Amino acid sequence: MEKKAEKERRQKAKKEREEREWERKQEIRRREKDEREWERKEIEKEKKIERERKERIREQKEDRERDRKQQEKEEREQARRDWLKYQREEREKEEREAWHHQQAGGNAEYGVEGRIRRQREKNKKEDEKREREKIEKEGKKVKEKDSKEKEKREKEDREKDKEVGVVDAEELMVGMSILGVSEQGVL
């Protein structure tokens, strides 16, 4: 009977140890799970912060772009208004001049015909100026092309001369000075 009680006591102790071990392992698993969950939440927070930062940057960029476009639009509108104002002032000036001239006896220099003639002359001068600029620009390109071709030919000639053994005067003088020979003879 004592053996049976001892055996039961041992089994009970073993069972308690196993339960404590199982609870300890469960606690470890629970802590690991909590740590993983905490890490996951931290990563999510960081991702959210990064997304918000990128969103703010994108919004700032869009705002700057919108402001730039608005400013360009306002500048174009102001330039258009200025141009219309200038045209109106010019027209009024010509009309005043024509009126004064008409009062003084009339002349074809003023009025619609005069304005058309002056505009044609102005357009002709602008066309001539553009043509001169175009010719000058093309002339520069041709000169650059010619100088590049000349350099290329000279380089090819020097390479051919080296292959054949021809030496230019400058190289000859350098070589002679190295050897201690002058044009008159040995130094």
N, C-alpha and C. Protein backbone atom coordinates (compact mmCIF):
# COMPACT_ATOMS: atom_id res chain seq x y z
N MET A 1 0.82 -1.17 0.00
CA MET A 1 0.00 0.00 0.00
C MET A 1 0.88 1.25 0.00
N GLU A 2 1.96 1.18 0.76
CA GLU A 2 2.88 2.30 0.78
C GLU A 2 3.53 2.50 -0.58
N LYS A 3 3.83 1.39 -1.26
CA LYS A 3 4.42 1.47 -2.60
C LYS A 3 3.43 2.13 -3.57
N LYS A 4 2.17 1.75 -3.43
CA LYS A 4 1.15 2.29 -4.32
C LYS A 4 1.01 3.80 -4.08
N ALA A 5 1.02 4.23 -2.81
CA ALA A 5 0.91 5.64 -2.47
C ALA A 5 2.13 6.40 -2.99
N GLU A 6 3.34 5.79 -2.84
CA GLU A 6 4.58 6.41 -3.34
C GLU A 6 4.52 6.56 -4.86
N LYS A 7 4.02 5.51 -5.51
CA LYS A 7 3.91 5.53 -6.96
C LYS A 7 2.94 6.63 -7.41
N GLU A 8 1.81 6.74 -6.70
CA GLU A 8 0.82 7.77 -7.04
C GLU A 8 1.40 9.16 -6.80
N ARG A 9 2.15 9.30 -5.68
CA ARG A 9 2.76 10.59 -5.36
C ARG A 9 3.77 10.98 -6.44
N ARG A 10 4.58 10.01 -6.89
CA ARG A 10 5.55 10.28 -7.96
C ARG A 10 4.83 10.65 -9.27
N GLN A 11 3.78 9.91 -9.56
CA GLN A 11 3.04 10.21 -10.79
C GLN A 11 2.41 11.60 -10.70
N LYS A 12 1.90 11.92 -9.50
CA LYS A 12 1.29 13.22 -9.30
C LYS A 12 2.35 14.32 -9.45
N ALA A 13 3.53 14.10 -8.86
CA ALA A 13 4.63 15.07 -8.95
C ALA A 13 5.08 15.21 -10.41
N LYS A 14 5.18 14.08 -11.10
CA LYS A 14 5.59 14.10 -12.51
C LYS A 14 4.57 14.88 -13.34
N LYS A 15 3.28 14.61 -13.05
CA LYS A 15 2.22 15.28 -13.78
C LYS A 15 2.28 16.79 -13.52
N GLU A 16 2.54 17.20 -12.27
CA GLU A 16 2.64 18.61 -11.92
C GLU A 16 3.83 19.25 -12.63
N ARG A 17 4.98 18.52 -12.66
CA ARG A 17 6.16 19.03 -13.37
C ARG A 17 5.85 19.24 -14.86
N GLU A 18 5.19 18.25 -15.43
CA GLU A 18 4.84 18.34 -16.85
C GLU A 18 3.89 19.51 -17.10
N GLU A 19 2.93 19.70 -16.17
CA GLU A 19 2.00 20.83 -16.32
C GLU A 19 2.74 22.16 -16.20
N ARG A 20 3.67 22.25 -15.20
CA ARG A 20 4.45 23.48 -15.03
C ARG A 20 5.31 23.74 -16.28
N GLU A 21 5.94 22.68 -16.81
CA GLU A 21 6.76 22.79 -18.02
C GLU A 21 5.90 23.25 -19.21
N TRP A 22 4.72 22.63 -19.31
CA TRP A 22 3.82 23.00 -20.40
C TRP A 22 3.38 24.46 -20.27
N GLU A 23 3.06 24.90 -19.03
CA GLU A 23 2.67 26.29 -18.78
C GLU A 23 3.82 27.24 -19.08
N ARG A 24 5.05 26.83 -18.69
CA ARG A 24 6.24 27.66 -18.96
C ARG A 24 6.43 27.82 -20.48
N LYS A 25 6.29 26.69 -21.22
CA LYS A 25 6.44 26.75 -22.67
C LYS A 25 5.34 27.62 -23.29
N GLN A 26 4.12 27.49 -22.75
CA GLN A 26 3.01 28.30 -23.24
C GLN A 26 3.30 29.79 -22.99
N GLU A 27 3.85 30.08 -21.81
CA GLU A 27 4.20 31.46 -21.48
C GLU A 27 5.26 32.00 -22.45
N ILE A 28 6.26 31.15 -22.74
CA ILE A 28 7.32 31.55 -23.69
C ILE A 28 6.71 31.81 -25.06
N ARG A 29 5.85 30.90 -25.51
CA ARG A 29 5.19 31.07 -26.81
C ARG A 29 4.35 32.36 -26.83
N ARG A 30 3.63 32.59 -25.73
CA ARG A 30 2.79 33.78 -25.66
C ARG A 30 3.65 35.05 -25.72
N ARG A 31 4.79 35.05 -24.97
CA ARG A 31 5.69 36.21 -25.00
C ARG A 31 6.27 36.43 -26.40
N GLU A 32 6.69 35.32 -27.04
CA GLU A 32 7.23 35.43 -28.40
C GLU A 32 6.18 35.98 -29.36
N LYS A 33 4.95 35.48 -29.20
CA LYS A 33 3.86 35.95 -30.05
C LYS A 33 3.62 37.44 -29.81
N ASP A 34 3.62 37.86 -28.52
CA ASP A 34 3.44 39.27 -28.18
C ASP A 34 4.56 40.12 -28.78
N GLU A 35 5.81 39.60 -28.70
CA GLU A 35 6.94 40.35 -29.26
C GLU A 35 6.79 40.49 -30.78
N ARG A 36 6.40 39.40 -31.44
CA ARG A 36 6.21 39.47 -32.90
C ARG A 36 5.10 40.47 -33.24
N GLU A 37 4.04 40.44 -32.46
CA GLU A 37 2.92 41.36 -32.69
C GLU A 37 3.38 42.80 -32.49
N TRP A 38 4.17 43.03 -31.42
CA TRP A 38 4.69 44.36 -31.15
C TRP A 38 5.59 44.83 -32.29
N GLU A 39 6.49 43.94 -32.77
CA GLU A 39 7.37 44.29 -33.88
C GLU A 39 6.56 44.60 -35.14
N ARG A 40 5.54 43.79 -35.39
CA ARG A 40 4.69 44.02 -36.56
C ARG A 40 4.02 45.39 -36.48
N LYS A 41 3.52 45.72 -35.27
CA LYS A 41 2.87 47.02 -35.09
C LYS A 41 3.87 48.16 -35.28
N GLU A 42 5.09 47.98 -34.78
CA GLU A 42 6.13 49.01 -34.95
C GLU A 42 6.46 49.21 -36.43
N ILE A 43 6.57 48.10 -37.14
CA ILE A 43 6.85 48.19 -38.58
C ILE A 43 5.70 48.90 -39.29
N GLU A 44 4.47 48.57 -38.91
CA GLU A 44 3.31 49.22 -39.51
C GLU A 44 3.33 50.72 -39.22
N LYS A 45 3.69 51.09 -37.97
CA LYS A 45 3.77 52.51 -37.62
C LYS A 45 4.80 53.21 -38.50
N GLU A 46 5.99 52.58 -38.65
CA GLU A 46 7.04 53.17 -39.47
C GLU A 46 6.59 53.31 -40.92
N LYS A 47 5.93 52.27 -41.43
CA LYS A 47 5.43 52.34 -42.81
C LYS A 47 4.41 53.45 -42.96
N LYS A 48 3.53 53.58 -41.95
CA LYS A 48 2.51 54.62 -42.00
C LYS A 48 3.17 56.00 -41.99
N ILE A 49 4.16 56.17 -41.12
CA ILE A 49 4.88 57.45 -41.05
C ILE A 49 5.55 57.74 -42.39
N GLU A 50 6.17 56.73 -42.99
CA GLU A 50 6.85 56.91 -44.28
C GLU A 50 5.84 57.26 -45.38
N ARG A 51 4.68 56.57 -45.37
CA ARG A 51 3.64 56.88 -46.35
C ARG A 51 3.16 58.32 -46.20
N GLU A 52 2.94 58.73 -44.94
CA GLU A 52 2.49 60.10 -44.69
C GLU A 52 3.54 61.11 -45.15
N ARG A 53 4.82 60.80 -44.90
CA ARG A 53 5.90 61.70 -45.31
C ARG A 53 5.92 61.83 -46.84
N LYS A 54 5.82 60.68 -47.52
CA LYS A 54 5.82 60.71 -48.98
C LYS A 54 4.61 61.46 -49.51
N GLU A 55 3.47 61.27 -48.85
CA GLU A 55 2.25 61.96 -49.26
C GLU A 55 2.41 63.47 -49.09
N ARG A 56 3.02 63.90 -47.96
CA ARG A 56 3.26 65.33 -47.75
C ARG A 56 4.19 65.88 -48.83
N ILE A 57 5.25 65.13 -49.13
CA ILE A 57 6.19 65.57 -50.17
C ILE A 57 5.47 65.69 -51.51
N ARG A 58 4.65 64.69 -51.84
CA ARG A 58 3.92 64.71 -53.10
C ARG A 58 2.97 65.92 -53.15
N GLU A 59 2.27 66.15 -52.04
CA GLU A 59 1.35 67.29 -51.99
C GLU A 59 2.10 68.61 -52.13
N GLN A 60 3.26 68.72 -51.46
CA GLN A 60 4.05 69.94 -51.58
C GLN A 60 4.50 70.15 -53.03
N LYS A 61 4.92 69.05 -53.66
CA LYS A 61 5.35 69.13 -55.05
C LYS A 61 4.19 69.57 -55.94
N GLU A 62 3.02 68.97 -55.72
CA GLU A 62 1.83 69.35 -56.50
C GLU A 62 1.48 70.82 -56.25
N ASP A 63 1.58 71.26 -54.99
CA ASP A 63 1.28 72.66 -54.67
C ASP A 63 2.24 73.59 -55.40
N ARG A 64 3.54 73.24 -55.36
CA ARG A 64 4.53 74.08 -56.05
C ARG A 64 4.25 74.12 -57.55
N GLU A 65 3.93 72.96 -58.12
CA GLU A 65 3.63 72.89 -59.56
C GLU A 65 2.39 73.71 -59.88
N ARG A 66 1.36 73.59 -59.05
CA ARG A 66 0.13 74.36 -59.25
C ARG A 66 0.42 75.86 -59.15
N ASP A 67 1.22 76.25 -58.13
CA ASP A 67 1.57 77.66 -57.97
C ASP A 67 2.36 78.17 -59.18
N ARG A 68 3.30 77.34 -59.65
CA ARG A 68 4.11 77.72 -60.80
C ARG A 68 3.22 77.93 -62.04
N LYS A 69 2.32 76.98 -62.27
CA LYS A 69 1.42 77.10 -63.42
C LYS A 69 0.53 78.33 -63.29
N GLN A 70 0.04 78.57 -62.08
CA GLN A 70 -0.81 79.74 -61.84
C GLN A 70 -0.03 81.02 -62.11
N GLN A 71 1.22 81.05 -61.63
CA GLN A 71 2.05 82.23 -61.85
C GLN A 71 2.31 82.44 -63.34
N GLU A 72 2.63 81.34 -64.05
CA GLU A 72 2.85 81.44 -65.49
C GLU A 72 1.59 81.95 -66.19
N LYS A 73 0.44 81.43 -65.76
CA LYS A 73 -0.83 81.86 -66.36
C LYS A 73 -1.04 83.35 -66.12
N GLU A 74 -0.78 83.79 -64.88
CA GLU A 74 -0.95 85.21 -64.56
C GLU A 74 0.02 86.07 -65.37
N GLU A 75 1.27 85.57 -65.52
CA GLU A 75 2.25 86.32 -66.30
C GLU A 75 1.82 86.42 -67.76
N ARG A 76 1.33 85.31 -68.32
CA ARG A 76 0.85 85.34 -69.71
C ARG A 76 -0.32 86.32 -69.86
N GLU A 77 -1.23 86.25 -68.90
CA GLU A 77 -2.39 87.14 -68.94
C GLU A 77 -1.95 88.60 -68.83
N GLN A 78 -0.98 88.87 -67.95
CA GLN A 78 -0.48 90.24 -67.79
C GLN A 78 0.22 90.69 -69.07
N ALA A 79 1.00 89.79 -69.67
CA ALA A 79 1.68 90.13 -70.92
C ALA A 79 0.66 90.42 -72.02
N ARG A 80 -0.41 89.63 -72.06
CA ARG A 80 -1.47 89.85 -73.06
C ARG A 80 -2.14 91.21 -72.83
N ARG A 81 -2.44 91.51 -71.56
CA ARG A 81 -3.06 92.80 -71.25
C ARG A 81 -2.13 93.96 -71.63
N ASP A 82 -0.83 93.78 -71.30
CA ASP A 82 0.15 94.82 -71.64
C ASP A 82 0.22 95.01 -73.15
N TRP A 83 0.23 93.89 -73.89
CA TRP A 83 0.29 93.96 -75.35
C TRP A 83 -0.95 94.66 -75.92
N LEU A 84 -2.12 94.30 -75.41
CA LEU A 84 -3.35 94.94 -75.88
C LEU A 84 -3.33 96.44 -75.55
N LYS A 85 -2.84 96.76 -74.36
CA LYS A 85 -2.75 98.17 -73.96
C LYS A 85 -1.80 98.91 -74.90
N TYR A 86 -0.65 98.28 -75.18
CA TYR A 86 0.33 98.90 -76.07
C TYR A 86 -0.28 99.12 -77.46
N GLN A 87 -0.97 98.10 -77.98
CA GLN A 87 -1.59 98.22 -79.30
C GLN A 87 -2.64 99.34 -79.31
N ARG A 88 -3.44 99.37 -78.24
CA ARG A 88 -4.48 100.40 -78.15
C ARG A 88 -3.83 101.80 -78.12
N GLU A 89 -2.77 101.94 -77.31
CA GLU A 89 -2.08 103.23 -77.22
C GLU A 89 -1.48 103.63 -78.56
N GLU A 90 -0.87 102.65 -79.26
CA GLU A 90 -0.29 102.94 -80.58
C GLU A 90 -1.37 103.37 -81.56
N ARG A 91 -2.48 102.66 -81.55
CA ARG A 91 -3.58 102.99 -82.46
C ARG A 91 -4.12 104.39 -82.15
N GLU A 92 -4.30 104.67 -80.85
CA GLU A 92 -4.79 106.00 -80.47
C GLU A 92 -3.79 107.08 -80.86
N LYS A 93 -2.51 106.79 -80.70
CA LYS A 93 -1.46 107.75 -81.07
C LYS A 93 -1.52 108.03 -82.57
N GLU A 94 -1.61 106.95 -83.37
CA GLU A 94 -1.69 107.12 -84.81
C GLU A 94 -2.95 107.89 -85.21
N GLU A 95 -4.04 107.57 -84.55
CA GLU A 95 -5.29 108.28 -84.86
C GLU A 95 -5.17 109.76 -84.52
N ARG A 96 -4.53 110.07 -83.39
CA ARG A 96 -4.33 111.48 -83.02
C ARG A 96 -3.45 112.18 -84.04
N GLU A 97 -2.34 111.48 -84.42
CA GLU A 97 -1.44 112.07 -85.41
C GLU A 97 -2.16 112.28 -86.73
N ALA A 98 -2.95 111.29 -87.13
CA ALA A 98 -3.69 111.41 -88.39
C ALA A 98 -4.69 112.57 -88.31
N TRP A 99 -5.36 112.68 -87.19
CA TRP A 99 -6.33 113.76 -87.02
C TRP A 99 -5.65 115.12 -87.11
N HIS A 100 -4.50 115.24 -86.36
CA HIS A 100 -3.76 116.51 -86.38
C HIS A 100 -3.27 116.81 -87.79
N HIS A 101 -2.78 115.78 -88.46
CA HIS A 101 -2.26 116.00 -89.80
C HIS A 101 -3.40 116.35 -90.76
N GLN A 102 -4.51 115.70 -90.56
CA GLN A 102 -5.67 115.98 -91.40
C GLN A 102 -6.11 117.43 -91.20
N GLN A 103 -6.03 117.85 -89.96
CA GLN A 103 -6.37 119.24 -89.66
C GLN A 103 -5.38 120.18 -90.34
N ALA A 104 -4.14 119.70 -90.50
CA ALA A 104 -3.11 120.54 -91.10
C ALA A 104 -3.09 120.44 -92.62
N GLY A 105 -3.91 119.62 -93.22
CA GLY A 105 -3.96 119.59 -94.67
C GLY A 105 -3.98 118.19 -95.25
N GLY A 106 -3.75 117.17 -94.48
CA GLY A 106 -3.86 115.79 -94.96
C GLY A 106 -2.60 115.30 -95.65
N ASN A 107 -2.32 114.02 -95.44
CA ASN A 107 -1.15 113.40 -96.04
C ASN A 107 -1.36 111.90 -95.99
N ALA A 108 -0.82 111.19 -96.96
CA ALA A 108 -0.96 109.72 -96.99
C ALA A 108 -0.11 109.04 -95.93
N GLU A 109 0.76 109.80 -95.27
CA GLU A 109 1.63 109.22 -94.23
C GLU A 109 0.81 108.75 -93.04
N TYR A 110 -0.34 109.36 -92.83
CA TYR A 110 -1.16 109.02 -91.68
C TYR A 110 -2.40 108.28 -92.13
N GLY A 111 -3.12 107.77 -91.18
CA GLY A 111 -4.34 107.04 -91.50
C GLY A 111 -4.05 105.57 -91.74
N VAL A 112 -5.04 104.87 -92.26
CA VAL A 112 -4.96 103.43 -92.44
C VAL A 112 -3.85 103.06 -93.41
N GLU A 113 -3.76 103.77 -94.55
CA GLU A 113 -2.74 103.44 -95.55
C GLU A 113 -1.34 103.62 -94.98
N GLY A 114 -1.16 104.71 -94.27
CA GLY A 114 0.16 104.97 -93.68
C GLY A 114 0.52 103.91 -92.65
N ARG A 115 -0.46 103.53 -91.84
CA ARG A 115 -0.21 102.50 -90.83
C ARG A 115 0.16 101.17 -91.50
N ILE A 116 -0.56 100.81 -92.56
CA ILE A 116 -0.26 99.56 -93.27
C ILE A 116 1.15 99.62 -93.86
N ARG A 117 1.50 100.75 -94.49
CA ARG A 117 2.82 100.90 -95.09
C ARG A 117 3.91 100.80 -94.03
N ARG A 118 3.71 101.49 -92.89
CA ARG A 118 4.71 101.43 -91.82
C ARG A 118 4.85 100.01 -91.27
N GLN A 119 3.72 99.30 -91.14
CA GLN A 119 3.76 97.92 -90.64
C GLN A 119 4.53 97.03 -91.62
N ARG A 120 4.30 97.24 -92.93
CA ARG A 120 5.03 96.45 -93.94
C ARG A 120 6.52 96.71 -93.86
N GLU A 121 6.90 97.98 -93.70
CA GLU A 121 8.32 98.32 -93.58
C GLU A 121 8.93 97.68 -92.33
N LYS A 122 8.18 97.75 -91.26
CA LYS A 122 8.65 97.15 -90.01
C LYS A 122 8.83 95.65 -90.17
N ASN A 123 7.85 94.98 -90.78
CA ASN A 123 7.94 93.53 -91.01
C ASN A 123 9.12 93.20 -91.91
N LYS A 124 9.34 94.04 -92.95
CA LYS A 124 10.45 93.81 -93.87
C LYS A 124 11.79 93.91 -93.13
N LYS A 125 11.93 94.91 -92.27
CA LYS A 125 13.17 95.07 -91.50
C LYS A 125 13.39 93.88 -90.57
N GLU A 126 12.32 93.42 -89.92
CA GLU A 126 12.44 92.26 -89.03
C GLU A 126 12.83 91.02 -89.81
N ASP A 127 12.25 90.84 -91.01
CA ASP A 127 12.61 89.69 -91.85
C ASP A 127 14.08 89.75 -92.25
N GLU A 128 14.54 90.95 -92.63
CA GLU A 128 15.95 91.11 -93.01
C GLU A 128 16.86 90.80 -91.83
N LYS A 129 16.48 91.26 -90.66
CA LYS A 129 17.28 91.02 -89.46
C LYS A 129 17.36 89.52 -89.17
N ARG A 130 16.21 88.82 -89.23
CA ARG A 130 16.21 87.37 -89.01
C ARG A 130 17.07 86.66 -90.04
N GLU A 131 17.00 87.10 -91.29
CA GLU A 131 17.79 86.49 -92.37
C GLU A 131 19.28 86.68 -92.10
N ARG A 132 19.67 87.91 -91.68
CA ARG A 132 21.09 88.16 -91.36
C ARG A 132 21.55 87.26 -90.22
N GLU A 133 20.72 87.15 -89.16
CA GLU A 133 21.07 86.29 -88.03
C GLU A 133 21.21 84.85 -88.47
N LYS A 134 20.32 84.41 -89.34
CA LYS A 134 20.36 83.03 -89.84
C LYS A 134 21.65 82.80 -90.62
N ILE A 135 22.00 83.76 -91.49
CA ILE A 135 23.22 83.62 -92.29
C ILE A 135 24.44 83.60 -91.39
N GLU A 136 24.48 84.50 -90.39
CA GLU A 136 25.61 84.53 -89.46
C GLU A 136 25.73 83.22 -88.70
N LYS A 137 24.60 82.68 -88.26
CA LYS A 137 24.60 81.42 -87.52
C LYS A 137 25.11 80.29 -88.41
N GLU A 138 24.62 80.24 -89.66
CA GLU A 138 25.08 79.20 -90.58
C GLU A 138 26.56 79.37 -90.89
N GLY A 139 27.01 80.64 -91.02
CA GLY A 139 28.42 80.91 -91.28
C GLY A 139 29.30 80.39 -90.16
N LYS A 140 28.86 80.58 -88.92
CA LYS A 140 29.62 80.07 -87.77
C LYS A 140 29.71 78.56 -87.82
N LYS A 141 28.59 77.92 -88.17
CA LYS A 141 28.59 76.46 -88.25
C LYS A 141 29.56 75.99 -89.32
N VAL A 142 29.55 76.66 -90.48
CA VAL A 142 30.44 76.27 -91.58
C VAL A 142 31.89 76.46 -91.15
N LYS A 143 32.19 77.60 -90.49
CA LYS A 143 33.56 77.85 -90.04
C LYS A 143 34.01 76.78 -89.06
N GLU A 144 33.13 76.43 -88.11
CA GLU A 144 33.47 75.39 -87.14
C GLU A 144 33.72 74.07 -87.84
N LYS A 145 32.88 73.74 -88.80
CA LYS A 145 33.02 72.49 -89.54
C LYS A 145 34.33 72.50 -90.32
N ASP A 146 34.64 73.63 -90.99
CA ASP A 146 35.88 73.73 -91.76
C ASP A 146 37.09 73.59 -90.87
N SER A 147 37.07 74.24 -89.69
CA SER A 147 38.23 74.16 -88.79
C SER A 147 38.40 72.73 -88.27
N LYS A 148 37.30 72.05 -87.99
CA LYS A 148 37.40 70.66 -87.54
C LYS A 148 37.96 69.77 -88.64
N GLU A 149 37.49 69.99 -89.88
CA GLU A 149 38.01 69.19 -91.00
C GLU A 149 39.49 69.47 -91.21
N LYS A 150 39.89 70.74 -91.09
CA LYS A 150 41.30 71.10 -91.28
C LYS A 150 42.16 70.43 -90.22
N GLU A 151 41.71 70.47 -88.95
CA GLU A 151 42.45 69.80 -87.87
C GLU A 151 42.56 68.31 -88.15
N LYS A 152 41.49 67.72 -88.62
CA LYS A 152 41.48 66.29 -88.91
C LYS A 152 42.48 65.97 -90.02
N ARG A 153 42.47 66.79 -91.10
CA ARG A 153 43.42 66.56 -92.21
C ARG A 153 44.85 66.71 -91.73
N GLU A 154 45.12 67.76 -90.91
CA GLU A 154 46.47 67.96 -90.40
C GLU A 154 46.92 66.79 -89.55
N LYS A 155 46.02 66.28 -88.73
CA LYS A 155 46.35 65.13 -87.88
C LYS A 155 46.66 63.91 -88.74
N GLU A 156 45.82 63.68 -89.77
CA GLU A 156 46.07 62.55 -90.68
C GLU A 156 47.40 62.72 -91.39
N ASP A 157 47.72 63.95 -91.83
CA ASP A 157 49.00 64.20 -92.51
C ASP A 157 50.17 63.92 -91.58
N ARG A 158 50.07 64.35 -90.31
CA ARG A 158 51.15 64.09 -89.35
C ARG A 158 51.34 62.60 -89.14
N GLU A 159 50.20 61.87 -89.04
CA GLU A 159 50.31 60.42 -88.85
C GLU A 159 50.95 59.76 -90.07
N LYS A 160 50.57 60.20 -91.28
CA LYS A 160 51.19 59.65 -92.49
C LYS A 160 52.67 59.97 -92.53
N ASP A 161 53.02 61.22 -92.15
CA ASP A 161 54.43 61.62 -92.14
C ASP A 161 55.23 60.76 -91.17
N LYS A 162 54.64 60.48 -90.01
CA LYS A 162 55.34 59.63 -89.04
C LYS A 162 55.55 58.24 -89.59
N GLU A 163 54.54 57.73 -90.29
CA GLU A 163 54.67 56.39 -90.88
C GLU A 163 55.79 56.38 -91.91
N VAL A 164 55.87 57.43 -92.72
CA VAL A 164 56.88 57.50 -93.78
C VAL A 164 58.22 57.90 -93.21
N GLY A 165 58.23 58.63 -92.13
CA GLY A 165 59.47 59.05 -91.50
C GLY A 165 59.75 60.52 -91.71
N VAL A 166 58.79 61.27 -92.19
CA VAL A 166 58.97 62.70 -92.40
C VAL A 166 58.80 63.40 -91.06
N VAL A 167 59.68 64.36 -90.78
CA VAL A 167 59.65 65.09 -89.52
C VAL A 167 59.48 66.56 -89.86
N ASP A 168 58.61 67.26 -89.14
CA ASP A 168 58.46 68.68 -89.43
C ASP A 168 59.63 69.45 -88.84
N ALA A 169 59.75 70.72 -89.23
CA ALA A 169 60.92 71.52 -88.87
C ALA A 169 61.08 71.66 -87.37
N GLU A 170 59.98 71.84 -86.67
CA GLU A 170 60.05 72.01 -85.21
C GLU A 170 60.60 70.76 -84.55
N GLU A 171 60.08 69.59 -84.94
CA GLU A 171 60.57 68.34 -84.37
C GLU A 171 62.04 68.13 -84.71
N LEU A 172 62.46 68.55 -85.93
CA LEU A 172 63.85 68.42 -86.35
C LEU A 172 64.75 69.26 -85.48
N MET A 173 64.33 70.51 -85.18
CA MET A 173 65.14 71.41 -84.35
C MET A 173 65.26 70.86 -82.93
N VAL A 174 64.18 70.32 -82.40
CA VAL A 174 64.22 69.74 -81.05
C VAL A 174 65.18 68.56 -81.04
N GLY A 175 65.06 67.71 -82.04
CA GLY A 175 65.95 66.55 -82.12
C GLY A 175 67.41 66.95 -82.26
N MET A 176 67.67 67.98 -83.05
CA MET A 176 69.05 68.43 -83.24
C MET A 176 69.61 69.01 -81.95
N SER A 177 68.77 69.76 -81.22
CA SER A 177 69.26 70.35 -79.98
C SER A 177 69.56 69.27 -78.95
N ILE A 178 68.78 68.20 -78.96
CA ILE A 178 69.03 67.09 -78.04
C ILE A 178 70.36 66.44 -78.37
N LEU A 179 70.64 66.30 -79.65
CA LEU A 179 71.89 65.67 -80.08
C LEU A 179 73.08 66.61 -79.97
N GLY A 180 72.81 67.90 -79.75
CA GLY A 180 73.89 68.86 -79.62
C GLY A 180 74.36 69.37 -80.96
N VAL A 181 73.49 69.40 -81.94
CA VAL A 181 73.85 69.85 -83.28
C VAL A 181 73.06 71.12 -83.57
N SER A 182 73.72 72.15 -84.08
CA SER A 182 73.02 73.36 -84.50
C SER A 182 72.93 73.35 -86.01
N GLU A 183 72.30 74.40 -86.56
CA GLU A 183 72.20 74.48 -88.02
C GLU A 183 73.57 74.69 -88.65
N GLN A 184 74.49 75.33 -87.90
CA GLN A 184 75.82 75.60 -88.43
C GLN A 184 76.75 74.40 -88.27
N GLY A 185 76.43 73.54 -87.35
CA GLY A 185 77.31 72.39 -87.13
C GLY A 185 77.19 71.91 -85.70
N VAL A 186 78.22 71.17 -85.26
CA VAL A 186 78.21 70.61 -83.91
C VAL A 186 78.41 71.72 -82.90
N LEU A 187 77.69 71.67 -81.82
CA LEU A 187 77.81 72.70 -80.76
C LEU A 187 79.07 72.52 -79.97
